């Protein structure tokens, strides 16, 4: 049990370390590159991401599923993934001139060359990563990936500082791949894996169909809209769109990932134990919404100072987009649980189909909106995200019956908490003539008031999440009391029941 908790902890630490380095890169690079240069880098990275997302069809992660791993299995994993990567690399290399002409950027040739090299280097580490995950060596894996992400971030920032422009993104990607693969080779010498083998190709292919299809679909749908923007709009719009999504997605990356770390194991445990999954699902959505909704709404209110602090001067156009996308993202809350829950229930095909439907419709809407400008693209998310929410709930309810009335009752509590959290901040904004372009000090006051209001609101409304917060508050108050030297006189200590 302790090993499992330690594994989850290390996985969470790796995730947050990656988030920290990515966030640091955005903050630093945005000071050196404007929207146009950032947009050019996003286009290059998006092309590479779409092409090499198809590599997931040859994912070595089938090594995690099989009962016993032999040398033939490991070598098959390396042969399969490297073969597919070489094929994709050849296709991208042959079509790079087309992309350079399409996006009117001759430097895209070198950018894609570096991206291809980075993909080839990274692919060599993937079987080792799968073996480490199989062995539950999360600590080692976290150190490898954190070192790779950190080194890549450092190279990206340094090259942006020294005037390499958008090429800094390509070299940062290559640096990250070199570090990750180098550390993987130090742990598991690749000489054991380089001898070609296709002994386990049937197992590898069957496993990769759904995994590769889902991963490839997600990556394509995430990266295709920026390519459409770059094709029909000024390249600076791509940079603004990308950085706006980065800022508006902070609650998703910070809060939902933390809640998901608790919620998904809880759901999986109930499935394995044959428990009431419907109750756990509704409770998980209640927990997610009461944290995610207030954070997302507060970010929409503070979009202008957030853009100034995170992206710096020259990005003011992104503020309105951040406000719109932050509000639209309120509908995203149930989607994060759909795929893992259906997979936990053994409904792999249903998980893929639900993701396929929601992603394709959302991508189509975004691409159609790209013909009408960046503002329309942002507003279109008020159509695509509610649609994805509906699909997620419908597909889950096909296999996990729950009452819409009960779900609505729980979500109403979260909505009330959100309104109470924003009441104080909205009053402050109203006293300033509803001007959202405010100084960072006023934004800090509003943020602190919102946090205090949120804590009070979950207790006033008796939201179920208060049961998770109460022990933490008691612990913090106890530590403060002991630090001030009057722990024995503290009311919480006096009224505590005797053990």
Protein backbone atom coordinates (compact mmCIF):
# COMPACT_ATOMS: atom_id res chain seq x y z
CA UNK A 1 0.00 0.00 0.00
CA UNK A 2 2.80 2.39 0.89
CA UNK A 3 4.52 1.52 -2.37
CA UNK A 4 1.33 2.41 -4.29
CA UNK A 5 0.99 5.73 -2.47
CA UNK A 6 4.67 6.45 -3.06
CA UNK A 7 4.15 5.67 -6.74
CA UNK A 8 1.22 8.08 -7.01
CA UNK A 9 3.25 10.72 -5.16
CA UNK A 10 6.22 10.37 -7.50
CA UNK A 11 3.94 10.44 -10.54
CA UNK A 12 2.29 13.62 -9.23
CA UNK A 13 5.66 15.21 -8.48
CA UNK A 14 6.85 14.42 -12.00
CA UNK A 15 3.69 15.93 -13.43
CA UNK A 16 4.03 19.13 -11.43
CA UNK A 17 7.74 19.37 -12.19
CA UNK A 18 6.93 19.21 -15.89
CA UNK A 19 4.22 21.81 -15.41
CA UNK A 20 6.65 24.07 -13.55
CA UNK A 21 9.30 23.88 -16.28
CA UNK A 22 6.74 24.45 -19.03
CA UNK A 23 5.29 27.40 -17.14
CA UNK A 24 8.77 28.84 -16.58
CA UNK A 25 9.50 28.47 -20.29
CA UNK A 26 6.29 30.31 -21.23
CA UNK A 27 7.03 33.16 -18.82
CA UNK A 28 10.64 33.57 -19.96
CA UNK A 29 10.28 33.01 -23.70
CA UNK A 30 7.25 35.32 -23.94
CA UNK A 31 9.56 38.15 -22.83
CA UNK A 32 11.91 37.50 -25.78
CA UNK A 33 9.53 36.41 -28.56
CA UNK A 34 6.44 38.23 -29.76
CA UNK A 35 3.17 36.66 -31.00
CA UNK A 36 4.46 36.23 -34.58
CA UNK A 37 7.65 34.35 -33.61
CA UNK A 38 5.77 32.30 -31.04
CA UNK A 39 3.15 31.46 -33.66
CA UNK A 40 5.84 30.26 -36.08
CA UNK A 41 7.23 27.95 -33.39
CA UNK A 42 3.77 26.64 -32.53
CA UNK A 43 3.13 25.80 -36.19
CA UNK A 44 6.38 23.81 -36.41
CA UNK A 45 5.75 21.97 -33.16
CA UNK A 46 2.13 21.24 -34.16
CA UNK A 47 3.16 19.67 -37.47
CA UNK A 48 5.65 17.42 -35.69
CA UNK A 49 3.16 16.57 -32.94
CA UNK A 50 0.47 15.48 -35.41
CA UNK A 51 2.83 13.34 -37.47
CA UNK A 52 4.54 11.62 -34.55
CA UNK A 53 1.31 11.11 -32.60
CA UNK A 54 0.79 8.19 -35.00
CA UNK A 55 3.79 6.59 -33.31
CA UNK A 56 1.40 5.60 -30.50
CA UNK A 57 0.11 2.80 -32.70
CA UNK A 58 3.50 1.18 -32.01
CA UNK A 59 3.47 2.00 -28.29
CA UNK A 60 5.87 -0.17 -26.25
CA UNK A 61 3.41 -0.02 -23.34
CA UNK A 62 2.13 -3.47 -24.24
CA UNK A 63 5.14 -4.55 -22.15
CA UNK A 64 3.21 -3.38 -19.07
CA UNK A 65 0.21 -5.59 -19.80
CA UNK A 66 1.77 -8.97 -20.63
CA UNK A 67 2.36 -11.49 -17.84
CA UNK A 68 6.09 -12.00 -18.39
CA UNK A 69 8.51 -9.92 -20.44
CA UNK A 70 11.12 -11.80 -22.45
CA UNK A 71 14.06 -10.48 -24.43
CA UNK A 72 12.03 -11.01 -27.61
CA UNK A 73 9.23 -8.82 -26.25
CA UNK A 74 11.62 -5.97 -25.42
CA UNK A 75 13.35 -6.16 -28.78
CA UNK A 76 9.98 -6.29 -30.58
CA UNK A 77 8.95 -3.12 -28.77
CA UNK A 78 12.11 -1.33 -29.92
CA UNK A 79 11.87 -2.67 -33.49
CA UNK A 80 8.22 -1.73 -33.81
CA UNK A 81 8.45 1.81 -32.43
CA UNK A 82 11.67 2.66 -34.26
CA UNK A 83 10.34 1.24 -37.53
CA UNK A 84 7.17 3.32 -37.35
CA UNK A 85 9.15 6.42 -36.30
CA UNK A 86 11.52 6.03 -39.26
CA UNK A 87 8.54 5.68 -41.61
CA UNK A 88 6.87 8.79 -40.20
CA UNK A 89 10.17 10.69 -40.29
CA UNK A 90 10.65 9.87 -43.95
CA UNK A 91 7.13 11.09 -44.73
CA UNK A 92 7.60 14.33 -42.83
CA UNK A 93 11.01 14.96 -44.40
CA UNK A 94 9.54 14.48 -47.88
CA UNK A 95 6.68 16.92 -47.19
CA UNK A 96 8.57 19.61 -45.29
CA UNK A 97 8.96 21.83 -48.37
CA UNK A 98 5.20 21.77 -48.81
CA UNK A 99 4.73 23.04 -45.24
CA UNK A 100 7.40 25.72 -45.71
CA UNK A 101 5.59 27.05 -48.79
CA UNK A 102 2.12 26.74 -47.23
CA UNK A 103 3.07 28.75 -44.15
CA UNK A 104 5.43 31.11 -46.01
CA UNK A 105 8.32 30.26 -43.67
CA UNK A 106 11.60 28.94 -45.20
CA UNK A 107 13.02 28.37 -41.71
CA UNK A 108 10.38 25.66 -41.25
CA UNK A 109 12.68 23.33 -43.22
CA UNK A 110 15.38 23.42 -40.52
CA UNK A 111 12.76 23.45 -37.76
CA UNK A 112 11.21 20.21 -39.02
CA UNK A 113 14.63 18.61 -39.56
CA UNK A 114 15.44 19.17 -35.89
CA UNK A 115 11.99 17.92 -34.88
CA UNK A 116 12.55 14.70 -36.85
CA UNK A 117 15.90 14.14 -35.15
CA UNK A 118 14.34 14.75 -31.74
CA UNK A 119 11.60 12.19 -32.44
CA UNK A 120 14.12 9.54 -33.52
CA UNK A 121 16.21 10.10 -30.39
CA UNK A 122 13.18 10.07 -28.09
CA UNK A 123 11.79 6.86 -29.61
CA UNK A 124 14.85 4.94 -28.44
CA UNK A 125 13.89 5.67 -24.82
CA UNK A 126 10.24 4.61 -25.04
CA UNK A 127 10.74 0.84 -24.45
CA UNK A 128 12.89 1.62 -21.38
CA UNK A 129 10.20 3.96 -20.06
CA UNK A 130 7.61 1.20 -20.50
CA UNK A 131 9.80 -1.30 -18.64
CA UNK A 132 10.29 1.18 -15.77
CA UNK A 133 6.54 1.70 -15.53
CA UNK A 134 6.03 -2.07 -15.49
CA UNK A 135 8.47 -2.38 -12.61
CA UNK A 136 6.70 0.47 -10.75
CA UNK A 137 10.01 2.37 -10.72
CA UNK A 138 8.20 5.70 -10.58
CA UNK A 139 11.00 7.44 -8.71
CA UNK A 140 13.57 6.61 -11.37
CA UNK A 141 11.13 7.47 -14.14
CA UNK A 142 10.28 10.80 -12.49
CA UNK A 143 13.96 11.74 -12.24
CA UNK A 144 14.57 10.88 -15.90
CA UNK A 145 11.61 12.83 -17.22
CA UNK A 146 12.12 15.77 -14.90
CA UNK A 147 15.77 16.04 -15.96
CA UNK A 148 14.75 15.89 -19.62
CA UNK A 149 12.03 18.50 -19.24
CA UNK A 150 14.27 20.78 -17.19
CA UNK A 151 17.18 20.56 -19.64
CA UNK A 152 14.88 21.22 -22.58
CA UNK A 153 13.37 24.24 -20.81
CA UNK A 154 16.83 25.62 -20.05
CA UNK A 155 17.99 25.28 -23.66
CA UNK A 156 14.77 26.84 -24.99
CA UNK A 157 15.05 29.86 -22.70
CA UNK A 158 18.78 30.32 -23.34
CA UNK A 159 18.39 30.20 -27.13
CA UNK A 160 15.47 32.62 -27.01
CA UNK A 161 17.59 34.98 -24.92
CA UNK A 162 20.49 34.81 -27.40
CA UNK A 163 18.26 35.70 -30.34
CA UNK A 164 17.55 32.35 -32.06
CA UNK A 165 13.88 33.27 -32.38
CA UNK A 166 11.31 30.53 -32.80
CA UNK A 167 14.09 27.97 -33.51
CA UNK A 168 14.57 27.83 -29.74
CA UNK A 169 11.51 25.56 -29.50
CA UNK A 170 13.00 22.98 -31.87
CA UNK A 171 16.40 22.93 -30.15
CA UNK A 172 14.69 22.71 -26.76
CA UNK A 173 12.75 19.68 -27.96
CA UNK A 174 15.95 18.03 -29.19
CA UNK A 175 17.77 18.79 -25.91
CA UNK A 176 14.96 17.22 -23.90
CA UNK A 177 15.03 14.08 -26.06
CA UNK A 178 18.81 13.74 -25.77
CA UNK A 179 18.74 14.03 -21.98
CA UNK A 180 15.85 11.60 -21.56
CA UNK A 181 17.33 8.97 -23.86
CA UNK A 182 20.82 9.39 -22.42
CA UNK A 183 19.57 8.73 -18.88
CA UNK A 184 17.46 5.80 -20.10
CA UNK A 185 20.54 4.25 -21.73
CA UNK A 186 22.46 4.60 -18.47
CA UNK A 187 19.79 2.54 -16.71
CA UNK A 188 19.06 -0.01 -19.43
CA UNK A 189 21.78 -0.32 -22.09
CA UNK A 190 20.11 -0.12 -25.47
CA UNK A 191 22.45 -2.75 -26.89
CA UNK A 192 20.09 -5.38 -25.50
CA UNK A 193 17.20 -3.92 -27.46
CA UNK A 194 18.78 -3.02 -30.79
CA UNK A 195 18.73 -6.52 -32.28
CA UNK A 196 15.61 -6.51 -34.48
CA UNK A 197 12.75 -8.83 -33.59
CA UNK A 198 9.06 -9.12 -34.46
CA UNK A 199 8.32 -12.18 -32.30
CA UNK A 200 5.63 -10.32 -30.29
CA UNK A 201 4.33 -8.11 -33.08
CA UNK A 202 0.76 -9.46 -32.86
CA UNK A 203 0.48 -8.60 -29.17
CA UNK A 204 2.05 -5.18 -29.73
CA UNK A 205 -0.24 -4.35 -32.65
CA UNK A 206 -3.47 -5.43 -30.92
CA UNK A 207 -2.59 -3.35 -27.88
CA UNK A 208 -1.66 -0.31 -29.96
CA UNK A 209 -4.90 -0.12 -31.94
CA UNK A 210 -7.01 1.53 -29.22
CA UNK A 211 -4.17 3.20 -27.34
CA UNK A 212 -2.66 4.62 -30.51
CA UNK A 213 -6.00 5.61 -31.92
CA UNK A 214 -6.99 7.50 -28.79
CA UNK A 215 -3.61 9.16 -28.20
CA UNK A 216 -3.26 10.10 -31.85
CA UNK A 217 -6.79 11.47 -31.96
CA UNK A 218 -6.21 13.63 -28.89
CA UNK A 219 -2.95 15.04 -30.23
CA UNK A 220 -4.33 15.75 -33.68
CA UNK A 221 -7.41 17.50 -32.32
CA UNK A 222 -5.29 19.59 -29.95
CA UNK A 223 -2.79 20.72 -32.55
CA UNK A 224 -4.85 20.97 -35.76
CA UNK A 225 -6.72 24.24 -34.93
CA UNK A 226 -3.46 26.25 -34.62
CA UNK A 227 -2.43 24.95 -38.05
CA UNK A 228 -5.75 26.13 -39.47
CA UNK A 229 -5.27 29.53 -37.86
CA UNK A 230 -1.79 29.77 -39.33
CA UNK A 231 -3.11 28.83 -42.76
CA UNK A 232 -5.88 31.42 -42.99
CA UNK A 233 -4.88 34.13 -40.50
CA UNK A 234 -1.71 36.09 -39.63
CA UNK A 235 0.86 33.91 -37.89
CA UNK A 236 0.67 36.20 -34.84
CA UNK A 237 -2.89 34.90 -34.24
CA UNK A 238 -1.43 31.43 -33.71
CA UNK A 239 0.88 32.76 -31.02
CA UNK A 240 -1.93 34.62 -29.27
CA UNK A 241 -4.23 31.57 -29.45
CA UNK A 242 -1.53 29.28 -28.06
CA UNK A 243 -0.53 31.54 -25.18
CA UNK A 244 -4.18 32.29 -24.35
CA UNK A 245 -4.89 28.58 -24.06
CA UNK A 246 -1.80 28.20 -21.88
CA UNK A 247 -3.02 30.83 -19.43
CA UNK A 248 -6.69 29.78 -19.42
CA UNK A 249 -5.65 26.14 -19.03
CA UNK A 250 -3.73 26.70 -15.79
CA UNK A 251 -6.61 25.59 -13.51
CA UNK A 252 -6.99 22.50 -15.68
CA UNK A 253 -3.32 21.57 -15.39
CA UNK A 254 -2.91 22.50 -11.73
CA UNK A 255 -6.26 21.72 -10.12
CA UNK A 256 -7.82 18.99 -12.24
CA UNK A 257 -4.59 16.99 -12.33
CA UNK A 258 -4.42 17.12 -8.52
CA UNK A 259 -8.09 16.18 -8.05
CA UNK A 260 -7.76 13.50 -10.75
CA UNK A 261 -4.88 11.91 -8.82
CA UNK A 262 -7.37 11.21 -6.01
CA UNK A 263 -10.57 10.71 -8.00
CA UNK A 264 -9.39 8.16 -10.59
CA UNK A 265 -7.82 5.70 -8.08
CA UNK A 266 -11.01 5.99 -6.02
CA UNK A 267 -13.17 5.08 -9.02
CA UNK A 268 -10.84 2.25 -10.05
CA UNK A 269 -10.86 0.82 -6.53
CA UNK A 270 -14.67 0.82 -6.48
CA UNK A 271 -14.78 -0.95 -9.84
CA UNK A 272 -12.38 -3.64 -8.65
CA UNK A 273 -14.26 -4.09 -5.38
CA UNK A 274 -17.65 -4.20 -7.08
CA UNK A 275 -18.82 -1.12 -5.18
CA UNK A 276 -21.29 1.59 -6.11
CA UNK A 277 -19.46 3.27 -8.95
CA UNK A 278 -22.32 5.68 -9.65
CA UNK A 279 -22.08 7.24 -6.21
CA UNK A 280 -18.30 7.57 -6.54
CA UNK A 281 -18.66 9.14 -9.99
CA UNK A 282 -21.14 11.77 -8.79
CA UNK A 283 -18.99 12.51 -5.75
CA UNK A 284 -15.89 12.88 -7.96
CA UNK A 285 -17.69 15.36 -10.23
CA UNK A 286 -18.82 17.26 -7.14
CA UNK A 287 -15.23 17.49 -5.89
CA UNK A 288 -13.90 18.53 -9.29
CA UNK A 289 -16.53 21.21 -9.94
CA UNK A 290 -16.25 22.87 -6.51
CA UNK A 291 -12.53 23.44 -7.03
CA UNK A 292 -12.37 23.91 -10.79
CA UNK A 293 -15.34 26.24 -11.34
CA UNK A 294 -14.30 28.97 -8.86
CA UNK A 295 -10.69 28.88 -10.10
CA UNK A 296 -11.71 29.11 -13.75
CA UNK A 297 -14.22 31.91 -13.09
CA UNK A 298 -11.68 33.85 -11.02
CA UNK A 299 -9.13 33.55 -13.84
CA UNK A 300 -11.68 34.98 -16.28
CA UNK A 301 -12.10 37.94 -13.95
CA UNK A 302 -8.33 38.45 -13.57
CA UNK A 303 -7.38 37.69 -17.18
CA UNK A 304 -5.77 41.08 -17.87
CA UNK A 305 -3.36 41.13 -14.91
CA UNK A 306 -2.71 37.39 -15.40
CA UNK A 307 -1.60 37.98 -18.99
CA UNK A 308 0.59 40.91 -17.93
CA UNK A 309 2.26 38.87 -15.18
CA UNK A 310 2.66 35.59 -17.08
CA UNK A 311 3.28 36.73 -20.67
CA UNK A 312 4.52 40.26 -20.14
CA UNK A 313 4.05 43.35 -22.35
CA UNK A 314 3.09 42.86 -25.96
CA UNK A 315 0.44 40.23 -25.26
CA UNK A 316 -2.52 42.42 -24.26
CA UNK A 317 -4.61 41.01 -27.13
CA UNK A 318 -4.57 37.64 -25.38
CA UNK A 319 -6.47 38.90 -22.32
CA UNK A 320 -9.95 38.92 -23.90
CA UNK A 321 -9.33 35.46 -25.38
CA UNK A 322 -8.30 34.19 -21.94
CA UNK A 323 -11.52 35.54 -20.42
CA UNK A 324 -13.69 33.86 -23.03
CA UNK A 325 -11.92 30.49 -23.01
CA UNK A 326 -11.80 30.42 -19.20
CA UNK A 327 -15.58 30.82 -19.00
CA UNK A 328 -16.16 28.27 -21.76
CA UNK A 329 -13.92 25.80 -19.94
CA UNK A 330 -16.45 25.60 -17.09
CA UNK A 331 -18.15 22.92 -19.19
CA UNK A 332 -15.01 20.75 -19.34
CA UNK A 333 -15.28 19.32 -15.80
CA UNK A 334 -16.84 15.85 -16.52
CA UNK A 335 -14.76 15.07 -19.60
CA UNK A 336 -11.58 14.32 -17.67
CA UNK A 337 -13.15 11.28 -15.95
CA UNK A 338 -14.92 9.74 -18.94
CA UNK A 339 -12.09 7.93 -20.70
CA UNK A 340 -10.34 6.48 -17.61
CA UNK A 341 -13.65 5.41 -16.05
CA UNK A 342 -14.79 3.57 -19.18
CA UNK A 343 -11.35 1.96 -19.46
CA UNK A 344 -11.57 0.87 -15.80
CA UNK A 345 -14.94 -0.72 -16.60
CA UNK A 346 -13.37 -2.59 -19.52
CA UNK A 347 -15.30 -0.58 -22.12
CA UNK A 348 -12.31 0.22 -24.29
CA UNK A 349 -14.28 0.55 -27.50
CA UNK A 350 -16.87 2.83 -25.89
CA UNK A 351 -14.10 4.99 -24.45
CA UNK A 352 -12.56 5.40 -27.88
CA UNK A 353 -15.87 6.06 -29.66
CA UNK A 354 -16.96 8.71 -27.14
CA UNK A 355 -13.61 10.45 -27.45
CA UNK A 356 -13.76 10.19 -31.26
CA UNK A 357 -17.20 11.78 -31.46
CA UNK A 358 -16.50 14.66 -29.09
CA UNK A 359 -13.04 15.41 -30.46
CA UNK A 360 -14.01 15.35 -34.13
CA UNK A 361 -17.04 17.59 -33.62
CA UNK A 362 -15.05 20.03 -31.45
CA UNK A 363 -12.20 20.17 -33.95
CA UNK A 364 -14.58 20.72 -36.86
CA UNK A 365 -16.24 23.62 -35.03
CA UNK A 366 -12.88 25.22 -34.22
CA UNK A 367 -11.61 24.84 -37.77
CA UNK A 368 -14.77 26.38 -39.24
CA UNK A 369 -14.44 29.25 -36.77
CA UNK A 370 -10.84 29.81 -37.89
CA UNK A 371 -12.15 31.30 -41.14
CA UNK A 372 -13.79 34.13 -39.18
CA UNK A 373 -11.07 35.32 -36.84
CA UNK A 374 -9.53 34.63 -33.46
CA UNK A 375 -12.46 36.02 -31.45
CA UNK A 376 -14.89 33.65 -33.19
CA UNK A 377 -12.52 30.75 -32.51
CA UNK A 378 -12.63 31.56 -28.81
CA UNK A 379 -16.42 31.99 -28.77
CA UNK A 380 -16.88 28.69 -30.63
CA UNK A 381 -15.75 26.89 -27.50
CA UNK A 382 -19.13 27.75 -25.98
CA UNK A 383 -20.47 25.26 -28.52
CA UNK A 384 -17.74 22.61 -28.62
CA UNK A 385 -17.10 22.25 -24.88
CA UNK A 386 -20.78 21.87 -23.84
CA UNK A 387 -21.10 19.26 -26.60
CA UNK A 388 -18.14 17.32 -25.20
CA UNK A 389 -19.68 17.57 -21.72
CA UNK A 390 -22.97 16.07 -22.94
CA UNK A 391 -21.23 13.23 -24.80
CA UNK A 392 -19.14 12.42 -21.71
CA UNK A 393 -22.15 12.21 -19.39
CA UNK A 394 -24.24 10.19 -21.87
CA UNK A 395 -21.54 7.58 -22.46
CA UNK A 396 -20.79 7.18 -18.77
CA UNK A 397 -24.48 6.81 -17.94
CA UNK A 398 -24.76 3.96 -20.48
CA UNK A 399 -22.59 1.85 -18.16
CA UNK A 400 -22.87 3.60 -14.77
CA UNK A 401 -26.43 4.49 -13.89
CA UNK A 402 -26.83 7.60 -11.78
CA UNK A 403 -29.67 10.01 -11.13
CA UNK A 404 -29.58 13.27 -13.09
CA UNK A 405 -31.47 14.77 -10.16
CA UNK A 406 -28.75 13.73 -7.72
CA UNK A 407 -26.01 15.00 -10.05
CA UNK A 408 -27.81 18.30 -10.49
CA UNK A 409 -28.21 18.67 -6.72
CA UNK A 410 -24.47 18.15 -6.15
CA UNK A 411 -23.51 20.52 -8.95
CA UNK A 412 -25.88 23.19 -7.62
CA UNK A 413 -23.86 23.19 -4.39
CA UNK A 414 -20.67 23.72 -6.41
CA UNK A 415 -22.35 26.52 -8.39
CA UNK A 416 -23.43 28.21 -5.15
CA UNK A 417 -19.87 27.96 -3.80
CA UNK A 418 -18.63 29.56 -7.03
CA UNK A 419 -21.08 32.46 -6.73
CA UNK A 420 -20.19 33.07 -3.08
CA UNK A 421 -16.48 32.91 -3.93
CA UNK A 422 -16.84 35.58 -6.61
CA UNK A 423 -19.18 37.88 -4.65
CA UNK A 424 -16.40 39.80 -2.89
CA UNK A 425 -14.11 40.07 -5.94
CA UNK A 426 -17.01 41.33 -8.09
CA UNK A 427 -17.81 44.03 -5.54
CA UNK A 428 -14.19 45.24 -5.68
CA UNK A 429 -14.26 45.26 -9.49
CA UNK A 430 -17.61 47.10 -9.46
CA UNK A 431 -16.20 49.85 -7.23
CA UNK A 432 -13.55 50.41 -9.91
CA UNK A 433 -16.10 50.86 -12.69
CA UNK A 434 -15.89 47.17 -13.77
CA UNK A 435 -12.45 47.84 -15.27
CA UNK A 436 -10.78 44.43 -15.73
CA UNK A 437 -7.42 45.93 -16.73
CA UNK A 438 -6.13 46.39 -13.17
CA UNK A 439 -2.77 46.62 -11.39
CA UNK A 440 -1.30 43.38 -10.09
CA UNK A 441 -1.62 44.52 -6.46
CA UNK A 442 -5.41 44.86 -6.81
CA UNK A 443 -5.47 41.45 -8.52
CA UNK A 444 -3.52 39.97 -5.59
CA UNK A 445 -6.06 41.36 -3.10
CA UNK A 446 -8.91 39.95 -5.17
CA UNK A 447 -7.22 36.56 -5.37
CA UNK A 448 -6.65 36.34 -1.61
CA UNK A 449 -10.22 37.43 -0.93
CA UNK A 450 -11.49 34.76 -3.33
CA UNK A 451 -9.51 32.03 -1.54
CA UNK A 452 -10.88 33.10 1.85
CA UNK A 453 -14.41 33.33 0.43
CA UNK A 454 -14.11 29.87 -1.13
CA UNK A 455 -13.06 28.28 2.17
CA UNK A 456 -15.97 29.96 3.95
CA UNK A 457 -18.41 29.04 1.16
CA UNK A 458 -17.75 25.29 1.22
CA UNK A 459 -18.56 25.25 4.95
CA UNK A 460 -21.57 27.57 4.70
CA UNK A 461 -23.09 25.45 1.92
CA UNK A 462 -22.03 22.20 3.66
CA UNK A 463 -20.44 21.00 0.46
CA UNK A 464 -19.08 17.40 0.70
CA UNK A 465 -15.60 18.70 -0.13
CA UNK A 466 -15.55 20.46 3.25
CA UNK A 467 -14.90 17.04 4.79
CA UNK A 468 -11.57 16.98 2.94
CA UNK A 469 -10.66 20.57 3.84
CA UNK A 470 -11.58 20.52 7.55
CA UNK A 471 -8.71 18.20 8.71
CA UNK A 472 -6.22 20.31 6.75
CA UNK A 473 -7.44 23.54 8.37
CA UNK A 474 -7.28 21.96 11.83
CA UNK A 475 -3.76 20.76 11.12
CA UNK A 476 -2.64 24.20 9.92
CA UNK A 477 -4.24 25.97 12.89
CA UNK A 478 -2.60 23.51 15.25
CA UNK A 479 0.82 24.17 13.74
CA UNK A 480 0.30 27.92 13.92
CA UNK A 481 -0.80 27.61 17.55
CA UNK A 482 2.23 25.55 18.47
CA UNK A 483 4.46 27.99 16.62
CA UNK A 484 3.04 30.87 18.67
CA UNK A 485 3.51 28.94 21.90
CA UNK A 486 -0.09 28.67 23.06
CA UNK A 487 -1.19 25.36 21.59
CA UNK A 488 -2.74 24.21 24.88
CA UNK A 489 -4.94 27.28 25.10
CA UNK A 490 -6.19 27.08 21.50
CA UNK A 491 -9.99 26.52 21.36
CA UNK A 492 -9.60 23.68 18.87
CA UNK A 493 -7.28 21.95 21.33
CA UNK A 494 -9.51 22.65 24.34
CA UNK A 495 -12.64 21.29 22.68
CA UNK A 496 -10.94 18.28 21.15
CA UNK A 497 -12.37 14.98 22.42
CA UNK A 498 -10.15 12.84 24.58
CA UNK A 499 -8.67 9.82 22.89
